Amino acid sequence: MQTLLGHIERWLAYSQAPLEDCAGEKEMTDKEYRKKYYQNNREKSIKYSIQWNKDNKEKKKEYDKKWYQKNRERSIKQSIEWRKNNQEKYDETAKKHRNSEKGFLQALWQDIKRKPHSFKDFDDFYNHWLEQKKIYGMMCPATGVEMTMKALFNEKGKRHRCGTNLSKDRILSSRGYGHQNLIFTCWDYNKAKNAMTPKMAKTYLKIVKERYGTDEVE
């Protein structure tokens, strides 16, 4: 609603018709007019908003950011209230998002943010995954197993690990997360690096050499 009213406000800025001519009421405020215009032209406004968002992704992102900063407390309060009154729907939506590619990667990013890393932001991190995906698809570079993105939950709603799930893996554990040092592997391989078999060790050294040009690094 707020976004639609914002688009209508931009449209009105280019209109030369006085409010009393458009709305038929001389004492109507700008806010009241925009609300009434939306009510009378709901389908048209939604269609315009969808098209505007599609053609102006960066402006939309900036507009939403400014709106949230200006209305942060109100937005948080509304979100908490909605979640309280729609807990089942919220849980279902949250699980669906976490099981999507972007949602799954966002969960990994939340953990990386708290650790040493050299990524600019989530988009930079996400694009790093997409670059690997172009080469390997969903296959684990270390094991050849098809990786999954399943956010599994137990009866209490707590997440638990899936061996084939994609995981963030530092090639050299002594260094932070970055373009050169981060590779995405399945969780079983990532976990097993603490108890490597000779075959796994060879694969590991191969990955190190591909990224650093040599396996003689510390």
N, C-alpha and C. Protein backbone atom coordinates (compact mmCIF):
# COMPACT_ATOMS: atom_id res chain seq x y z
N MET A 1 0.84 -1.21 0.00
CA MET A 1 0.00 0.00 0.00
C MET A 1 0.87 1.26 0.00
N GLN A 2 1.86 1.28 0.91
CA GLN A 2 2.74 2.45 0.98
C GLN A 2 3.48 2.66 -0.33
N THR A 3 3.92 1.56 -0.94
CA THR A 3 4.64 1.66 -2.21
C THR A 3 3.73 2.19 -3.29
N LEU A 4 2.49 1.69 -3.34
CA LEU A 4 1.54 2.15 -4.35
C LEU A 4 1.26 3.64 -4.20
N LEU A 5 1.06 4.07 -2.96
CA LEU A 5 0.79 5.49 -2.73
C LEU A 5 1.99 6.34 -3.13
N GLY A 6 3.17 5.77 -2.94
CA GLY A 6 4.37 6.49 -3.35
C GLY A 6 4.43 6.67 -4.84
N HIS A 7 4.04 5.62 -5.59
CA HIS A 7 4.03 5.70 -7.05
C HIS A 7 2.98 6.71 -7.52
N ILE A 8 1.82 6.69 -6.86
CA ILE A 8 0.75 7.62 -7.21
C ILE A 8 1.21 9.06 -6.96
N GLU A 9 1.94 9.23 -5.85
CA GLU A 9 2.47 10.56 -5.52
C GLU A 9 3.41 11.07 -6.61
N ARG A 10 4.26 10.17 -7.12
CA ARG A 10 5.16 10.56 -8.21
C ARG A 10 4.37 10.91 -9.46
N TRP A 11 3.30 10.14 -9.73
CA TRP A 11 2.48 10.39 -10.91
C TRP A 11 1.78 11.74 -10.80
N LEU A 12 1.32 12.07 -9.59
CA LEU A 12 0.62 13.32 -9.38
C LEU A 12 1.53 14.53 -9.52
N ALA A 13 2.81 14.30 -9.25
CA ALA A 13 3.76 15.41 -9.35
C ALA A 13 3.82 15.98 -10.76
N TYR A 14 3.46 15.17 -11.75
CA TYR A 14 3.51 15.60 -13.14
C TYR A 14 2.13 16.07 -13.64
N SER A 15 1.13 15.94 -12.78
CA SER A 15 -0.22 16.33 -13.17
C SER A 15 -0.43 17.82 -12.92
N GLN A 16 -1.05 18.51 -13.88
CA GLN A 16 -1.31 19.94 -13.74
C GLN A 16 -2.73 20.22 -13.25
N ALA A 17 -3.56 19.17 -13.15
CA ALA A 17 -4.95 19.38 -12.75
C ALA A 17 -5.04 19.64 -11.27
N PRO A 18 -5.78 20.65 -10.83
CA PRO A 18 -5.94 20.94 -9.41
C PRO A 18 -6.71 19.82 -8.71
N LEU A 19 -6.49 19.67 -7.43
CA LEU A 19 -7.14 18.61 -6.69
C LEU A 19 -8.66 18.70 -6.73
N GLU A 20 -9.19 19.93 -6.71
CA GLU A 20 -10.65 20.04 -6.70
C GLU A 20 -11.25 19.58 -8.02
N ASP A 21 -10.50 19.71 -9.13
CA ASP A 21 -11.01 19.26 -10.42
C ASP A 21 -10.96 17.74 -10.51
N CYS A 22 -9.88 17.14 -9.98
CA CYS A 22 -9.71 15.69 -10.06
C CYS A 22 -10.65 14.97 -9.11
N ALA A 23 -10.76 15.45 -7.90
CA ALA A 23 -11.52 14.74 -6.89
C ALA A 23 -12.91 15.30 -6.67
N GLY A 24 -13.15 16.50 -7.14
CA GLY A 24 -14.46 17.10 -6.96
C GLY A 24 -14.67 17.64 -5.56
N GLU A 25 -13.59 17.76 -4.78
CA GLU A 25 -13.70 18.27 -3.43
C GLU A 25 -12.61 19.31 -3.20
N LYS A 26 -13.00 20.49 -2.80
CA LYS A 26 -12.05 21.59 -2.65
C LYS A 26 -11.20 21.47 -1.39
N GLU A 27 -11.75 20.84 -0.34
CA GLU A 27 -11.05 20.78 0.94
C GLU A 27 -10.33 19.45 1.15
N MET A 28 -9.94 18.79 0.10
CA MET A 28 -9.29 17.49 0.23
C MET A 28 -7.78 17.64 0.33
N THR A 29 -7.18 16.98 1.31
CA THR A 29 -5.73 17.04 1.46
C THR A 29 -5.08 16.11 0.45
N ASP A 30 -3.77 16.28 0.28
CA ASP A 30 -3.04 15.45 -0.68
C ASP A 30 -3.11 13.98 -0.28
N LYS A 31 -2.98 13.70 1.01
CA LYS A 31 -3.03 12.32 1.50
C LYS A 31 -4.39 11.70 1.26
N GLU A 32 -5.44 12.47 1.54
CA GLU A 32 -6.80 11.97 1.32
C GLU A 32 -7.07 11.73 -0.15
N TYR A 33 -6.53 12.62 -0.99
CA TYR A 33 -6.73 12.47 -2.43
C TYR A 33 -6.07 11.21 -2.96
N ARG A 34 -4.80 10.99 -2.50
CA ARG A 34 -4.08 9.81 -2.97
C ARG A 34 -4.79 8.53 -2.53
N LYS A 35 -5.33 8.54 -1.31
CA LYS A 35 -6.05 7.38 -0.81
C LYS A 35 -7.32 7.13 -1.61
N LYS A 36 -8.05 8.20 -1.90
CA LYS A 36 -9.30 8.08 -2.67
C LYS A 36 -9.00 7.67 -4.11
N TYR A 37 -7.92 8.21 -4.67
CA TYR A 37 -7.54 7.84 -6.04
C TYR A 37 -7.25 6.35 -6.11
N TYR A 38 -6.53 5.84 -5.10
CA TYR A 38 -6.20 4.41 -5.08
C TYR A 38 -7.46 3.56 -4.98
N GLN A 39 -8.38 3.97 -4.12
CA GLN A 39 -9.62 3.23 -3.95
C GLN A 39 -10.45 3.19 -5.23
N ASN A 40 -10.43 4.29 -5.97
CA ASN A 40 -11.21 4.38 -7.21
C ASN A 40 -10.50 3.76 -8.41
N ASN A 41 -9.20 3.58 -8.29
CA ASN A 41 -8.42 3.07 -9.42
C ASN A 41 -7.47 1.96 -8.97
N ARG A 42 -7.97 1.06 -8.14
CA ARG A 42 -7.14 0.04 -7.52
C ARG A 42 -6.41 -0.84 -8.55
N GLU A 43 -7.14 -1.41 -9.49
CA GLU A 43 -6.53 -2.31 -10.48
C GLU A 43 -5.50 -1.57 -11.34
N LYS A 44 -5.84 -0.37 -11.76
CA LYS A 44 -4.93 0.44 -12.56
C LYS A 44 -3.66 0.77 -11.78
N SER A 45 -3.83 1.10 -10.49
CA SER A 45 -2.70 1.46 -9.64
C SER A 45 -1.78 0.26 -9.42
N ILE A 46 -2.36 -0.91 -9.18
CA ILE A 46 -1.56 -2.12 -8.97
C ILE A 46 -0.78 -2.47 -10.23
N LYS A 47 -1.44 -2.38 -11.38
CA LYS A 47 -0.79 -2.67 -12.67
C LYS A 47 0.36 -1.70 -12.90
N TYR A 48 0.13 -0.41 -12.61
CA TYR A 48 1.17 0.61 -12.78
C TYR A 48 2.34 0.33 -11.84
N SER A 49 2.02 -0.05 -10.58
CA SER A 49 3.05 -0.30 -9.59
C SER A 49 3.94 -1.48 -9.98
N ILE A 50 3.33 -2.56 -10.45
CA ILE A 50 4.08 -3.74 -10.87
C ILE A 50 5.03 -3.40 -12.02
N GLN A 51 4.52 -2.64 -12.99
CA GLN A 51 5.34 -2.26 -14.14
C GLN A 51 6.47 -1.33 -13.72
N TRP A 52 6.13 -0.38 -12.83
CA TRP A 52 7.15 0.58 -12.36
C TRP A 52 8.26 -0.15 -11.61
N ASN A 53 7.88 -1.09 -10.74
CA ASN A 53 8.87 -1.86 -9.99
C ASN A 53 9.78 -2.65 -10.92
N LYS A 54 9.19 -3.19 -11.99
CA LYS A 54 9.94 -3.99 -12.95
C LYS A 54 10.94 -3.12 -13.71
N ASP A 55 10.55 -1.89 -14.05
CA ASP A 55 11.40 -1.00 -14.84
C ASP A 55 12.37 -0.18 -14.00
N ASN A 56 12.14 -0.15 -12.69
CA ASN A 56 12.96 0.71 -11.82
C ASN A 56 13.40 -0.04 -10.56
N LYS A 57 14.09 -1.16 -10.74
CA LYS A 57 14.46 -2.00 -9.61
C LYS A 57 15.36 -1.28 -8.61
N GLU A 58 16.32 -0.51 -9.11
CA GLU A 58 17.24 0.20 -8.20
C GLU A 58 16.52 1.31 -7.45
N LYS A 59 15.66 2.05 -8.15
CA LYS A 59 14.89 3.12 -7.50
C LYS A 59 13.95 2.53 -6.45
N LYS A 60 13.34 1.38 -6.78
CA LYS A 60 12.43 0.71 -5.85
C LYS A 60 13.19 0.29 -4.60
N LYS A 61 14.38 -0.24 -4.79
CA LYS A 61 15.20 -0.68 -3.67
C LYS A 61 15.56 0.50 -2.76
N GLU A 62 15.93 1.62 -3.38
CA GLU A 62 16.28 2.82 -2.64
C GLU A 62 15.07 3.42 -1.93
N TYR A 63 13.92 3.40 -2.63
CA TYR A 63 12.67 3.93 -2.07
C TYR A 63 12.27 3.12 -0.83
N ASP A 64 12.32 1.79 -0.93
CA ASP A 64 11.96 0.92 0.19
C ASP A 64 12.90 1.12 1.37
N LYS A 65 14.19 1.31 1.06
CA LYS A 65 15.18 1.51 2.11
C LYS A 65 14.90 2.80 2.87
N LYS A 66 14.62 3.88 2.14
CA LYS A 66 14.33 5.17 2.78
C LYS A 66 13.03 5.11 3.57
N TRP A 67 12.04 4.42 2.98
CA TRP A 67 10.75 4.32 3.68
C TRP A 67 10.91 3.56 4.99
N TYR A 68 11.71 2.46 4.97
CA TYR A 68 11.92 1.67 6.18
C TYR A 68 12.67 2.48 7.23
N GLN A 69 13.70 3.23 6.79
CA GLN A 69 14.47 4.04 7.74
C GLN A 69 13.58 5.10 8.40
N LYS A 70 12.68 5.65 7.62
CA LYS A 70 11.78 6.68 8.13
C LYS A 70 10.69 6.10 9.01
N ASN A 71 10.29 4.86 8.74
CA ASN A 71 9.17 4.25 9.46
C ASN A 71 9.59 2.95 10.16
N ARG A 72 10.84 2.91 10.62
CA ARG A 72 11.40 1.68 11.17
C ARG A 72 10.58 1.13 12.35
N GLU A 73 10.32 1.96 13.33
CA GLU A 73 9.59 1.49 14.52
C GLU A 73 8.19 1.02 14.15
N ARG A 74 7.54 1.78 13.30
CA ARG A 74 6.20 1.42 12.86
C ARG A 74 6.20 0.09 12.10
N SER A 75 7.20 -0.08 11.23
CA SER A 75 7.30 -1.29 10.42
C SER A 75 7.56 -2.51 11.30
N ILE A 76 8.48 -2.38 12.26
CA ILE A 76 8.79 -3.49 13.17
C ILE A 76 7.57 -3.85 14.00
N LYS A 77 6.87 -2.84 14.49
CA LYS A 77 5.68 -3.07 15.30
C LYS A 77 4.61 -3.80 14.50
N GLN A 78 4.41 -3.39 13.24
CA GLN A 78 3.42 -4.05 12.39
C GLN A 78 3.81 -5.49 12.11
N SER A 79 5.11 -5.73 11.88
CA SER A 79 5.60 -7.08 11.59
C SER A 79 5.40 -8.00 12.79
N ILE A 80 5.72 -7.50 13.98
CA ILE A 80 5.56 -8.29 15.21
C ILE A 80 4.09 -8.62 15.44
N GLU A 81 3.23 -7.63 15.23
CA GLU A 81 1.80 -7.82 15.43
C GLU A 81 1.24 -8.83 14.44
N TRP A 82 1.66 -8.70 13.16
CA TRP A 82 1.18 -9.64 12.14
C TRP A 82 1.65 -11.05 12.45
N ARG A 83 2.91 -11.18 12.86
CA ARG A 83 3.46 -12.50 13.18
C ARG A 83 2.72 -13.12 14.35
N LYS A 84 2.40 -12.31 15.33
CA LYS A 84 1.68 -12.79 16.52
C LYS A 84 0.30 -13.32 16.15
N ASN A 85 -0.36 -12.65 15.22
CA ASN A 85 -1.72 -13.04 14.83
C ASN A 85 -1.76 -14.08 13.71
N ASN A 86 -0.60 -14.34 13.10
CA ASN A 86 -0.55 -15.28 11.97
C ASN A 86 0.66 -16.21 12.10
N GLN A 87 0.85 -16.80 13.29
CA GLN A 87 2.04 -17.59 13.56
C GLN A 87 2.20 -18.78 12.61
N GLU A 88 1.13 -19.51 12.36
CA GLU A 88 1.21 -20.67 11.46
C GLU A 88 1.58 -20.25 10.04
N LYS A 89 0.94 -19.19 9.57
CA LYS A 89 1.22 -18.69 8.22
C LYS A 89 2.66 -18.18 8.14
N TYR A 90 3.11 -17.52 9.21
CA TYR A 90 4.49 -17.00 9.25
C TYR A 90 5.49 -18.16 9.18
N ASP A 91 5.26 -19.20 10.00
CA ASP A 91 6.17 -20.34 10.02
C ASP A 91 6.23 -21.03 8.66
N GLU A 92 5.06 -21.16 8.03
CA GLU A 92 5.00 -21.81 6.72
C GLU A 92 5.75 -20.99 5.67
N THR A 93 5.55 -19.67 5.70
CA THR A 93 6.22 -18.77 4.76
C THR A 93 7.73 -18.77 4.99
N ALA A 94 8.13 -18.74 6.28
CA ALA A 94 9.56 -18.73 6.63
C ALA A 94 10.25 -20.01 6.16
N LYS A 95 9.61 -21.16 6.36
CA LYS A 95 10.19 -22.43 5.94
C LYS A 95 10.30 -22.51 4.42
N LYS A 96 9.29 -22.00 3.75
CA LYS A 96 9.30 -21.99 2.28
C LYS A 96 10.45 -21.14 1.77
N HIS A 97 10.65 -19.97 2.40
CA HIS A 97 11.74 -19.07 1.99
C HIS A 97 13.10 -19.71 2.25
N ARG A 98 13.26 -20.33 3.42
CA ARG A 98 14.54 -20.94 3.78
C ARG A 98 14.88 -22.12 2.89
N ASN A 99 13.88 -22.72 2.27
CA ASN A 99 14.12 -23.84 1.37
C ASN A 99 14.30 -23.39 -0.08
N SER A 100 14.21 -22.08 -0.32
CA SER A 100 14.49 -21.56 -1.66
C SER A 100 15.99 -21.31 -1.77
N GLU A 101 16.50 -21.19 -2.99
CA GLU A 101 17.94 -20.99 -3.17
C GLU A 101 18.42 -19.72 -2.46
N LYS A 102 17.73 -18.62 -2.71
CA LYS A 102 18.18 -17.35 -2.13
C LYS A 102 18.00 -17.35 -0.61
N GLY A 103 16.91 -17.92 -0.15
CA GLY A 103 16.67 -17.98 1.29
C GLY A 103 17.71 -18.83 2.00
N PHE A 104 18.09 -19.94 1.38
CA PHE A 104 19.09 -20.82 1.97
C PHE A 104 20.45 -20.12 2.04
N LEU A 105 20.80 -19.41 0.95
CA LEU A 105 22.08 -18.68 0.93
C LEU A 105 22.07 -17.52 1.92
N GLN A 106 20.90 -16.89 2.12
CA GLN A 106 20.81 -15.79 3.07
C GLN A 106 21.09 -16.26 4.49
N ALA A 107 20.65 -17.48 4.79
CA ALA A 107 20.92 -18.05 6.12
C ALA A 107 22.43 -18.26 6.31
N LEU A 108 23.12 -18.72 5.26
CA LEU A 108 24.57 -18.89 5.34
C LEU A 108 25.27 -17.54 5.50
N TRP A 109 24.75 -16.53 4.79
CA TRP A 109 25.33 -15.18 4.84
C TRP A 109 25.21 -14.58 6.23
N GLN A 110 24.11 -14.83 6.91
CA GLN A 110 23.92 -14.29 8.26
C GLN A 110 25.03 -14.78 9.20
N ASP A 111 25.48 -16.01 8.99
CA ASP A 111 26.56 -16.55 9.81
C ASP A 111 27.92 -15.95 9.41
N ILE A 112 28.15 -15.83 8.10
CA ILE A 112 29.41 -15.27 7.60
C ILE A 112 29.60 -13.82 8.05
N LYS A 113 28.53 -13.06 8.10
CA LYS A 113 28.61 -11.64 8.49
C LYS A 113 29.27 -11.44 9.84
N ARG A 114 29.14 -12.42 10.71
CA ARG A 114 29.68 -12.30 12.07
C ARG A 114 31.13 -12.77 12.16
N LYS A 115 31.70 -13.18 11.02
CA LYS A 115 33.06 -13.70 11.00
C LYS A 115 33.92 -12.91 10.03
N PRO A 116 35.25 -13.06 10.09
CA PRO A 116 36.12 -12.34 9.15
C PRO A 116 35.80 -12.72 7.70
N HIS A 117 35.55 -11.73 6.88
CA HIS A 117 35.24 -11.99 5.46
C HIS A 117 35.56 -10.74 4.64
N SER A 118 35.60 -10.90 3.32
CA SER A 118 35.94 -9.78 2.44
C SER A 118 34.83 -9.51 1.41
N PHE A 119 33.63 -10.04 1.63
CA PHE A 119 32.52 -9.79 0.72
C PHE A 119 31.91 -8.42 1.00
N LYS A 120 31.50 -7.72 -0.06
CA LYS A 120 30.92 -6.39 0.10
C LYS A 120 29.57 -6.46 0.81
N ASP A 121 28.75 -7.39 0.36
CA ASP A 121 27.41 -7.54 0.90
C ASP A 121 26.85 -8.89 0.47
N PHE A 122 25.57 -9.12 0.76
CA PHE A 122 24.96 -10.41 0.40
C PHE A 122 25.00 -10.66 -1.10
N ASP A 123 24.75 -9.62 -1.90
CA ASP A 123 24.74 -9.78 -3.35
C ASP A 123 26.09 -10.28 -3.86
N ASP A 124 27.16 -9.74 -3.28
CA ASP A 124 28.51 -10.16 -3.65
C ASP A 124 28.72 -11.64 -3.29
N PHE A 125 28.27 -12.02 -2.12
CA PHE A 125 28.36 -13.40 -1.66
C PHE A 125 27.51 -14.33 -2.54
N TYR A 126 26.30 -13.89 -2.84
CA TYR A 126 25.38 -14.70 -3.65
C TYR A 126 25.92 -14.88 -5.08
N ASN A 127 26.49 -13.82 -5.64
CA ASN A 127 27.06 -13.91 -6.98
C ASN A 127 28.26 -14.87 -7.01
N HIS A 128 28.98 -14.96 -5.89
CA HIS A 128 30.10 -15.91 -5.79
C HIS A 128 29.57 -17.34 -5.93
N TRP A 129 28.43 -17.59 -5.30
CA TRP A 129 27.80 -18.91 -5.44
C TRP A 129 27.37 -19.16 -6.88
N LEU A 130 26.78 -18.15 -7.51
CA LEU A 130 26.31 -18.30 -8.89
C LEU A 130 27.46 -18.60 -9.85
N GLU A 131 28.64 -18.01 -9.59
CA GLU A 131 29.81 -18.28 -10.42
C GLU A 131 30.23 -19.74 -10.30
N GLN A 132 30.19 -20.27 -9.08
CA GLN A 132 30.52 -21.68 -8.90
C GLN A 132 29.47 -22.56 -9.57
N LYS A 133 28.23 -22.14 -9.46
CA LYS A 133 27.12 -22.92 -10.03
C LYS A 133 27.23 -23.03 -11.55
N LYS A 134 27.77 -21.98 -12.19
CA LYS A 134 27.97 -22.01 -13.64
C LYS A 134 28.93 -23.14 -14.04
N ILE A 135 29.89 -23.42 -13.17
CA ILE A 135 30.92 -24.43 -13.46
C ILE A 135 30.49 -25.84 -13.04
N TYR A 136 29.99 -25.95 -11.81
CA TYR A 136 29.68 -27.27 -11.27
C TYR A 136 28.19 -27.60 -11.21
N GLY A 137 27.34 -26.61 -11.45
CA GLY A 137 25.92 -26.85 -11.25
C GLY A 137 25.67 -27.08 -9.77
N MET A 138 24.84 -28.05 -9.44
CA MET A 138 24.57 -28.36 -8.03
C MET A 138 25.49 -29.47 -7.50
N MET A 139 26.48 -29.87 -8.28
CA MET A 139 27.40 -30.92 -7.85
C MET A 139 28.45 -30.38 -6.87
N CYS A 140 28.75 -31.15 -5.85
CA CYS A 140 29.80 -30.79 -4.89
C CYS A 140 31.15 -30.91 -5.59
N PRO A 141 31.96 -29.86 -5.62
CA PRO A 141 33.27 -29.89 -6.30
C PRO A 141 34.22 -30.95 -5.73
N ALA A 142 34.00 -31.32 -4.47
CA ALA A 142 34.91 -32.26 -3.81
C ALA A 142 34.48 -33.71 -3.95
N THR A 143 33.17 -33.97 -3.93
CA THR A 143 32.69 -35.36 -3.92
C THR A 143 31.89 -35.76 -5.15
N GLY A 144 31.38 -34.78 -5.90
CA GLY A 144 30.55 -35.09 -7.06
C GLY A 144 29.12 -35.39 -6.70
N VAL A 145 28.79 -35.32 -5.41
CA VAL A 145 27.42 -35.55 -4.95
C VAL A 145 26.56 -34.34 -5.29
N GLU A 146 25.31 -34.59 -5.66
CA GLU A 146 24.40 -33.47 -5.94
C GLU A 146 24.00 -32.82 -4.63
N MET A 147 24.28 -31.55 -4.51
CA MET A 147 23.99 -30.83 -3.27
C MET A 147 22.52 -30.41 -3.21
N THR A 148 22.01 -30.34 -2.00
CA THR A 148 20.62 -29.95 -1.78
C THR A 148 20.57 -28.66 -0.96
N MET A 149 19.40 -28.09 -0.87
CA MET A 149 19.18 -26.90 -0.03
C MET A 149 17.91 -27.12 0.76
N LYS A 150 17.98 -28.02 1.71
CA LYS A 150 16.81 -28.38 2.52
C LYS A 150 16.99 -27.85 3.93
N ALA A 151 16.16 -26.90 4.29
CA ALA A 151 16.18 -26.39 5.65
C ALA A 151 15.26 -27.30 6.45
N LEU A 152 15.84 -28.29 7.10
CA LEU A 152 15.05 -29.29 7.83
C LEU A 152 14.79 -28.85 9.26
N PHE A 153 13.63 -29.18 9.77
CA PHE A 153 13.24 -28.78 11.12
C PHE A 153 12.72 -29.98 11.89
N ASN A 154 13.00 -30.02 13.18
CA ASN A 154 12.42 -31.08 14.00
C ASN A 154 11.07 -30.63 14.53
N GLU A 155 10.48 -31.41 15.41
CA GLU A 155 9.13 -31.09 15.91
C GLU A 155 9.08 -29.78 16.68
N LYS A 156 10.20 -29.38 17.27
CA LYS A 156 10.24 -28.14 18.04
C LYS A 156 10.57 -26.93 17.17
N GLY A 157 10.72 -27.16 15.86
CA GLY A 157 10.99 -26.05 14.94
C GLY A 157 12.45 -25.69 14.82
N LYS A 158 13.33 -26.51 15.42
CA LYS A 158 14.76 -26.23 15.34
C LYS A 158 15.37 -26.91 14.12
N ARG A 159 16.29 -26.23 13.46
CA ARG A 159 16.91 -26.77 12.25
C ARG A 159 17.93 -27.84 12.60
N HIS A 160 18.11 -28.81 11.71
CA HIS A 160 19.17 -29.79 11.88
C HIS A 160 19.83 -30.08 10.53
N ARG A 161 21.02 -30.64 10.56
CA ARG A 161 21.85 -30.79 9.37
C ARG A 161 21.36 -31.89 8.43
N CYS A 162 21.63 -31.65 7.14
CA CYS A 162 21.39 -32.66 6.09
C CYS A 162 22.73 -32.85 5.38
N GLY A 163 23.22 -34.08 5.31
CA GLY A 163 24.55 -34.36 4.78
C GLY A 163 24.82 -33.87 3.38
N THR A 164 23.77 -33.83 2.53
CA THR A 164 23.97 -33.40 1.14
C THR A 164 23.76 -31.90 0.95
N ASN A 165 23.37 -31.22 2.02
CA ASN A 165 23.12 -29.78 1.90
C ASN A 165 24.39 -29.00 1.55
N LEU A 166 24.19 -27.95 0.77
CA LEU A 166 25.27 -27.03 0.43
C LEU A 166 25.77 -26.36 1.71
N SER A 167 27.08 -26.23 1.84
CA SER A 167 27.66 -25.56 3.02
C SER A 167 28.78 -24.63 2.58
N LYS A 168 29.04 -23.62 3.36
CA LYS A 168 30.13 -22.69 3.10
C LYS A 168 31.42 -23.30 3.65
N ASP A 169 32.43 -23.41 2.81
CA ASP A 169 33.64 -24.13 3.18
C ASP A 169 34.88 -23.28 2.88
N ARG A 170 35.65 -22.96 3.91
CA ARG A 170 36.91 -22.25 3.71
C ARG A 170 37.97 -23.25 3.24
N ILE A 171 38.61 -22.97 2.14
CA ILE A 171 39.64 -23.86 1.62
C ILE A 171 40.80 -23.93 2.60
N LEU A 172 41.25 -22.78 3.08
CA LEU A 172 42.27 -22.71 4.12
C LEU A 172 41.61 -22.19 5.40
N SER A 173 41.53 -23.06 6.38
CA SER A 173 40.80 -22.71 7.61
C SER A 173 41.46 -21.58 8.39
N SER A 174 42.73 -21.30 8.06
CA SER A 174 43.45 -20.22 8.76
C SER A 174 43.10 -18.84 8.20
N ARG A 175 42.34 -18.81 7.10
CA ARG A 175 41.98 -17.54 6.45
C ARG A 175 40.46 -17.33 6.48
N GLY A 176 40.06 -16.07 6.33
CA GLY A 176 38.65 -15.75 6.38
C GLY A 176 37.90 -16.10 5.10
N TYR A 177 36.61 -15.79 5.08
CA TYR A 177 35.79 -16.05 3.91
C TYR A 177 36.01 -14.97 2.86
N GLY A 178 36.24 -15.37 1.61
CA GLY A 178 36.44 -14.43 0.52
C GLY A 178 36.32 -15.15 -0.81
N HIS A 179 36.44 -14.43 -1.89
CA HIS A 179 36.29 -15.01 -3.22
C HIS A 179 37.28 -16.15 -3.47
N GLN A 180 38.50 -15.97 -3.02
CA GLN A 180 39.52 -17.00 -3.27
C GLN A 180 39.40 -18.17 -2.30
N ASN A 181 39.01 -17.89 -1.08
CA ASN A 181 39.07 -18.92 -0.04
C ASN A 181 37.75 -19.63 0.25
N LEU A 182 36.66 -19.17 -0.36
CA LEU A 182 35.36 -19.80 -0.10
C LEU A 182 34.93 -20.67 -1.27
N ILE A 183 34.58 -21.90 -0.94
CA ILE A 183 34.01 -22.82 -1.93
C ILE A 183 32.78 -23.45 -1.29
N PHE A 184 31.80 -23.78 -2.08
CA PHE A 184 30.59 -24.39 -1.55
C PHE A 184 30.66 -25.90 -1.76
N THR A 185 30.61 -26.65 -0.68
CA THR A 185 30.67 -28.10 -0.75
C THR A 185 29.52 -28.69 0.06
N CYS A 186 29.29 -29.99 -0.09
CA CYS A 186 28.23 -30.62 0.70
C CYS A 186 28.68 -30.71 2.16
N TRP A 187 27.72 -30.72 3.06
CA TRP A 187 28.02 -30.69 4.49
C TRP A 187 28.82 -31.91 4.94
N ASP A 188 28.54 -33.08 4.38
CA ASP A 188 29.27 -34.29 4.77
C ASP A 188 30.77 -34.15 4.51
N TYR A 189 31.13 -33.59 3.35
CA TYR A 189 32.54 -33.40 3.03
C TYR A 189 33.16 -32.36 3.94
N ASN A 190 32.45 -31.27 4.14
CA ASN A 190 32.94 -30.17 4.99
C ASN A 190 33.23 -30.69 6.39
N LYS A 191 32.31 -31.47 6.92
CA LYS A 191 32.46 -32.01 8.28
C LYS A 191 33.59 -33.04 8.33
N ALA A 192 33.71 -33.84 7.26
CA ALA A 192 34.69 -34.93 7.24
C ALA A 192 36.13 -34.46 7.09
N LYS A 193 36.33 -33.19 6.77
CA LYS A 193 37.70 -32.69 6.60
C LYS A 193 38.52 -32.86 7.87
N ASN A 194 37.85 -33.00 9.01
CA ASN A 194 38.56 -33.21 10.27
C ASN A 194 39.03 -34.67 10.41
N ALA A 195 38.50 -35.54 9.56
CA ALA A 195 38.89 -36.96 9.58
C ALA A 195 39.01 -37.44 8.15
N MET A 196 39.92 -36.81 7.39
CA MET A 196 40.05 -37.08 5.96
C MET A 196 40.58 -38.47 5.65
N THR A 197 40.04 -39.05 4.58
CA THR A 197 40.61 -40.26 4.01
C THR A 197 41.68 -39.81 3.01
N PRO A 198 42.59 -40.68 2.60
CA PRO A 198 43.60 -40.30 1.60
C PRO A 198 42.97 -39.75 0.32
N LYS A 199 41.85 -40.34 -0.09
CA LYS A 199 41.19 -39.88 -1.31
C LYS A 199 40.68 -38.45 -1.13
N MET A 200 40.10 -38.18 0.05
CA MET A 200 39.60 -36.83 0.34
C MET A 200 40.75 -35.84 0.38
N ALA A 201 41.87 -36.26 0.94
CA ALA A 201 43.04 -35.37 1.06
C ALA A 201 43.55 -34.98 -0.32
N LYS A 202 43.56 -35.94 -1.26
CA LYS A 202 44.00 -35.65 -2.62
C LYS A 202 43.07 -34.63 -3.28
N THR A 203 41.77 -34.82 -3.05
CA THR A 203 40.78 -33.89 -3.61
C THR A 203 40.97 -32.50 -3.01
N TYR A 204 41.21 -32.46 -1.72
CA TYR A 204 41.42 -31.19 -1.02
C TYR A 204 42.64 -30.45 -1.58
N LEU A 205 43.76 -31.16 -1.76
CA LEU A 205 44.97 -30.54 -2.30
C LEU A 205 44.76 -30.06 -3.73
N LYS A 206 43.94 -30.78 -4.48
CA LYS A 206 43.62 -30.39 -5.85
C LYS A 206 42.87 -29.05 -5.86
N ILE A 207 41.92 -28.92 -4.94
CA ILE A 207 41.14 -27.67 -4.83
C ILE A 207 42.04 -26.51 -4.43
N VAL A 208 42.94 -26.74 -3.45
CA VAL A 208 43.87 -25.69 -3.00
C VAL A 208 44.73 -25.22 -4.16
N LYS A 209 45.26 -26.17 -4.93
CA LYS A 209 46.15 -25.82 -6.04
C LYS A 209 45.40 -25.04 -7.12
N GLU A 210 44.14 -25.39 -7.36
CA GLU A 210 43.34 -24.69 -8.37
C GLU A 210 43.14 -23.23 -7.98
N ARG A 211 42.92 -22.98 -6.70
CA ARG A 211 42.65 -21.61 -6.23
C ARG A 211 43.92 -20.80 -5.98
N TYR A 212 44.96 -21.43 -5.49
CA TYR A 212 46.16 -20.69 -5.08
C TYR A 212 47.38 -20.93 -5.96
N GLY A 213 47.24 -21.82 -6.96
CA GLY A 213 48.33 -22.06 -7.87
C GLY A 213 49.38 -23.02 -7.35
N THR A 214 49.27 -23.37 -6.10
CA THR A 214 50.19 -24.31 -5.45
C THR A 214 49.51 -24.89 -4.23
N ASP A 215 49.97 -26.08 -3.81
CA ASP A 215 49.42 -26.65 -2.57
C ASP A 215 50.40 -26.47 -1.42
N GLU A 216 51.46 -25.70 -1.67
CA GLU A 216 52.46 -25.40 -0.63
C GLU A 216 52.11 -24.08 0.05
N VAL A 217 50.94 -24.02 0.68
CA VAL A 217 50.51 -22.81 1.39
C VAL A 217 50.10 -23.17 2.81
N GLU A 218 50.10 -22.15 3.66
CA GLU A 218 49.72 -22.38 5.07
C GLU A 218 48.56 -21.48 5.44
